[in-house]
Amino acid sequence: MHYRVATTGDFPAIHQVRMAVLENRLSDPGKVTRADYEEMIVRRGRGWVCEMDGQIVGFSIVDLVEKNVWALFLLPSHIGMGIGKKLQSLLLEWAFANGTDYLWLSTAPGTRAELFYEKTGWQKVGLLENGEMKFERHDK
């Protein structure tokens, strides 16, 4: 496994991962565009990818403007290998080192993602209007 900072050239592979997920699927695949990914990793925050055998198998993106974990997704075949924890660790370390002392995220309740965030130190703070569970994390 190789982890690195995401680049704008990673969009096709990142979007493939995003479309392959089994939970927290986009209702409209065209809702998130190349421009959205570029905005997040170039101007608003940073992203990371995990590669195996030259293929991107997971990615994470943090938005420092909204103090939000914008994305953390893996190919379903790569869940349970520690990739999500490492991608999360990279984004938390970078965000907290770059002036953010608080982050939030949301995910559908009753999913593996909800359990993952609970187990990795995020605090549930309630449901959002869209029905997703909101989590918060503070720098130590």
Protein backbone atom coordinates (compact mmCIF):
# COMPACT_ATOMS: atom_id res chain seq x y z
CA MET A 1 0.00 0.00 0.00
CA HIS A 2 1.23 3.43 -0.94
CA TYR A 3 -0.30 6.64 0.41
CA ARG A 4 0.21 10.04 -1.17
CA VAL A 5 -1.38 13.47 -1.54
CA ALA A 6 -4.11 13.47 -4.18
CA THR A 7 -3.66 15.49 -7.36
CA THR A 8 -6.17 16.85 -9.85
CA GLY A 9 -5.12 14.08 -12.23
CA ASP A 10 -6.52 11.52 -9.78
CA PHE A 11 -10.11 12.56 -10.45
CA PRO A 12 -11.14 9.66 -12.71
CA ALA A 13 -9.84 7.01 -10.30
CA ILE A 14 -11.17 8.80 -7.20
CA HIS A 15 -14.59 9.15 -8.80
CA GLN A 16 -14.55 5.44 -9.70
CA VAL A 17 -13.98 4.61 -6.04
CA ARG A 18 -16.77 6.99 -5.02
CA MET A 19 -19.20 5.35 -7.45
CA ALA A 20 -18.26 1.81 -6.33
CA VAL A 21 -19.25 2.18 -2.68
CA LEU A 22 -22.11 0.09 -1.33
CA GLU A 23 -23.16 2.51 1.44
CA ASN A 24 -23.58 6.28 1.37
CA ARG A 25 -24.05 6.15 -2.40
CA LEU A 26 -24.70 9.33 -4.34
CA SER A 27 -28.32 9.52 -5.44
CA ASP A 28 -27.15 11.46 -8.51
CA PRO A 29 -23.65 10.48 -9.74
CA GLY A 30 -23.38 13.80 -11.60
CA LYS A 31 -23.87 15.70 -8.35
CA VAL A 32 -20.14 15.63 -7.57
CA THR A 33 -18.04 16.90 -10.46
CA ARG A 34 -14.39 17.12 -11.35
CA ALA A 35 -14.58 20.82 -10.44
CA ASP A 36 -15.86 19.90 -6.95
CA TYR A 37 -12.92 17.55 -6.36
CA GLU A 38 -10.46 20.15 -7.66
CA GLU A 39 -11.97 22.88 -5.48
CA MET A 40 -11.57 20.67 -2.42
CA ILE A 41 -8.01 19.46 -2.97
CA VAL A 42 -6.55 22.64 -4.49
CA ARG A 43 -8.28 25.58 -2.78
CA ARG A 44 -10.25 24.43 0.26
CA GLY A 45 -8.21 21.59 1.72
CA ARG A 46 -6.29 18.51 0.71
CA GLY A 47 -6.87 14.92 -0.29
CA TRP A 48 -4.96 11.64 -0.03
CA VAL A 49 -5.12 8.41 -1.95
CA CYS A 50 -4.12 4.85 -1.22
CA GLU A 51 -2.70 2.90 -4.15
CA MET A 52 -2.20 -0.83 -4.47
CA ASP A 53 -0.56 -2.27 -7.56
CA GLY A 54 -0.90 1.11 -9.29
CA GLN A 55 -4.66 1.37 -8.63
CA ILE A 56 -6.33 3.90 -6.33
CA VAL A 57 -8.34 1.84 -3.85
CA GLY A 58 -9.32 4.56 -1.38
CA PHE A 59 -9.23 8.30 -0.81
CA SER A 60 -9.95 10.97 1.78
CA ILE A 61 -10.52 14.72 1.45
CA VAL A 62 -10.74 17.37 4.16
CA ASP A 63 -12.28 20.83 3.66
CA LEU A 64 -10.60 23.38 5.94
CA VAL A 65 -13.07 26.14 4.99
CA GLU A 66 -16.07 24.23 6.38
CA LYS A 67 -13.93 22.21 8.83
CA ASN A 68 -15.44 19.09 7.30
CA VAL A 69 -14.29 15.64 6.28
CA TRP A 70 -15.66 15.91 2.75
CA ALA A 71 -14.90 12.33 1.74
CA LEU A 72 -13.40 9.07 2.96
CA PHE A 73 -14.20 6.14 0.69
CA LEU A 74 -12.72 2.74 -0.17
CA LEU A 75 -13.40 0.16 -2.80
CA PRO A 76 -15.65 -2.43 -1.12
CA SER A 77 -13.04 -5.12 -1.78
CA HIS A 78 -10.51 -3.22 0.36
CA ILE A 79 -12.57 -2.64 3.52
CA GLY A 80 -11.03 -4.08 6.69
CA MET A 81 -7.40 -3.69 5.62
CA GLY A 82 -6.62 -0.57 7.71
CA ILE A 83 -6.75 1.76 4.70
CA GLY A 84 -9.60 3.87 6.08
CA LYS A 85 -7.81 4.35 9.40
CA LYS A 86 -4.62 5.46 7.66
CA LEU A 87 -6.43 7.86 5.29
CA GLN A 88 -8.30 9.29 8.28
CA SER A 89 -5.06 9.66 10.23
CA LEU A 90 -3.42 11.55 7.35
CA LEU A 91 -6.29 14.02 7.05
CA LEU A 92 -6.61 14.58 10.80
CA GLU A 93 -2.89 15.15 11.26
CA TRP A 94 -2.75 17.59 8.35
CA ALA A 95 -5.92 19.49 9.28
CA PHE A 96 -4.92 19.91 12.92
CA ALA A 97 -1.38 20.95 11.92
CA ASN A 98 -2.85 23.58 9.58
CA GLY A 99 -4.88 25.61 12.04
CA THR A 100 -8.05 23.59 12.46
CA ASP A 101 -8.89 22.47 15.99
CA TYR A 102 -12.31 21.01 15.13
CA LEU A 103 -13.74 18.88 12.31
CA TRP A 104 -17.14 17.44 11.59
CA LEU A 105 -18.57 14.88 9.21
CA SER A 106 -21.83 13.13 8.53
CA THR A 107 -22.81 9.67 7.38
CA ALA A 108 -25.94 7.59 7.07
CA PRO A 109 -26.97 5.97 10.36
CA GLY A 110 -26.81 2.21 10.67
CA THR A 111 -23.86 1.88 8.29
CA ARG A 112 -20.36 0.47 8.59
CA ALA A 113 -19.14 4.05 8.28
CA GLU A 114 -21.07 5.07 11.39
CA LEU A 115 -19.43 2.25 13.36
CA PHE A 116 -16.00 3.10 11.91
CA TYR A 117 -16.23 6.72 13.08
CA GLU A 118 -17.46 5.71 16.53
CA LYS A 119 -14.57 3.25 16.92
CA THR A 120 -11.97 5.77 15.75
CA GLY A 121 -12.78 8.50 18.27
CA TRP A 122 -15.49 10.66 16.69
CA GLN A 123 -18.34 11.87 18.90
CA LYS A 124 -21.95 11.61 17.75
CA VAL A 125 -23.75 14.93 18.16
CA GLY A 126 -27.13 14.19 16.57
CA LEU A 127 -29.02 13.91 13.33
CA LEU A 128 -28.90 16.52 10.59
CA GLU A 129 -32.00 17.65 8.70
CA ASN A 130 -31.11 15.26 5.87
CA GLY A 131 -31.24 12.31 8.30
CA GLU A 132 -27.49 11.75 8.44
CA MET A 133 -25.64 11.32 11.74
CA LYS A 134 -23.30 14.21 12.54
CA PHE A 135 -19.95 13.50 14.21
CA GLU A 136 -17.38 15.91 15.64
CA ARG A 137 -13.71 15.61 16.50
CA HIS A 138 -11.50 18.07 18.36
CA ASP A 139 -7.72 18.37 18.34
CA LYS A 140 -6.23 17.04 21.55
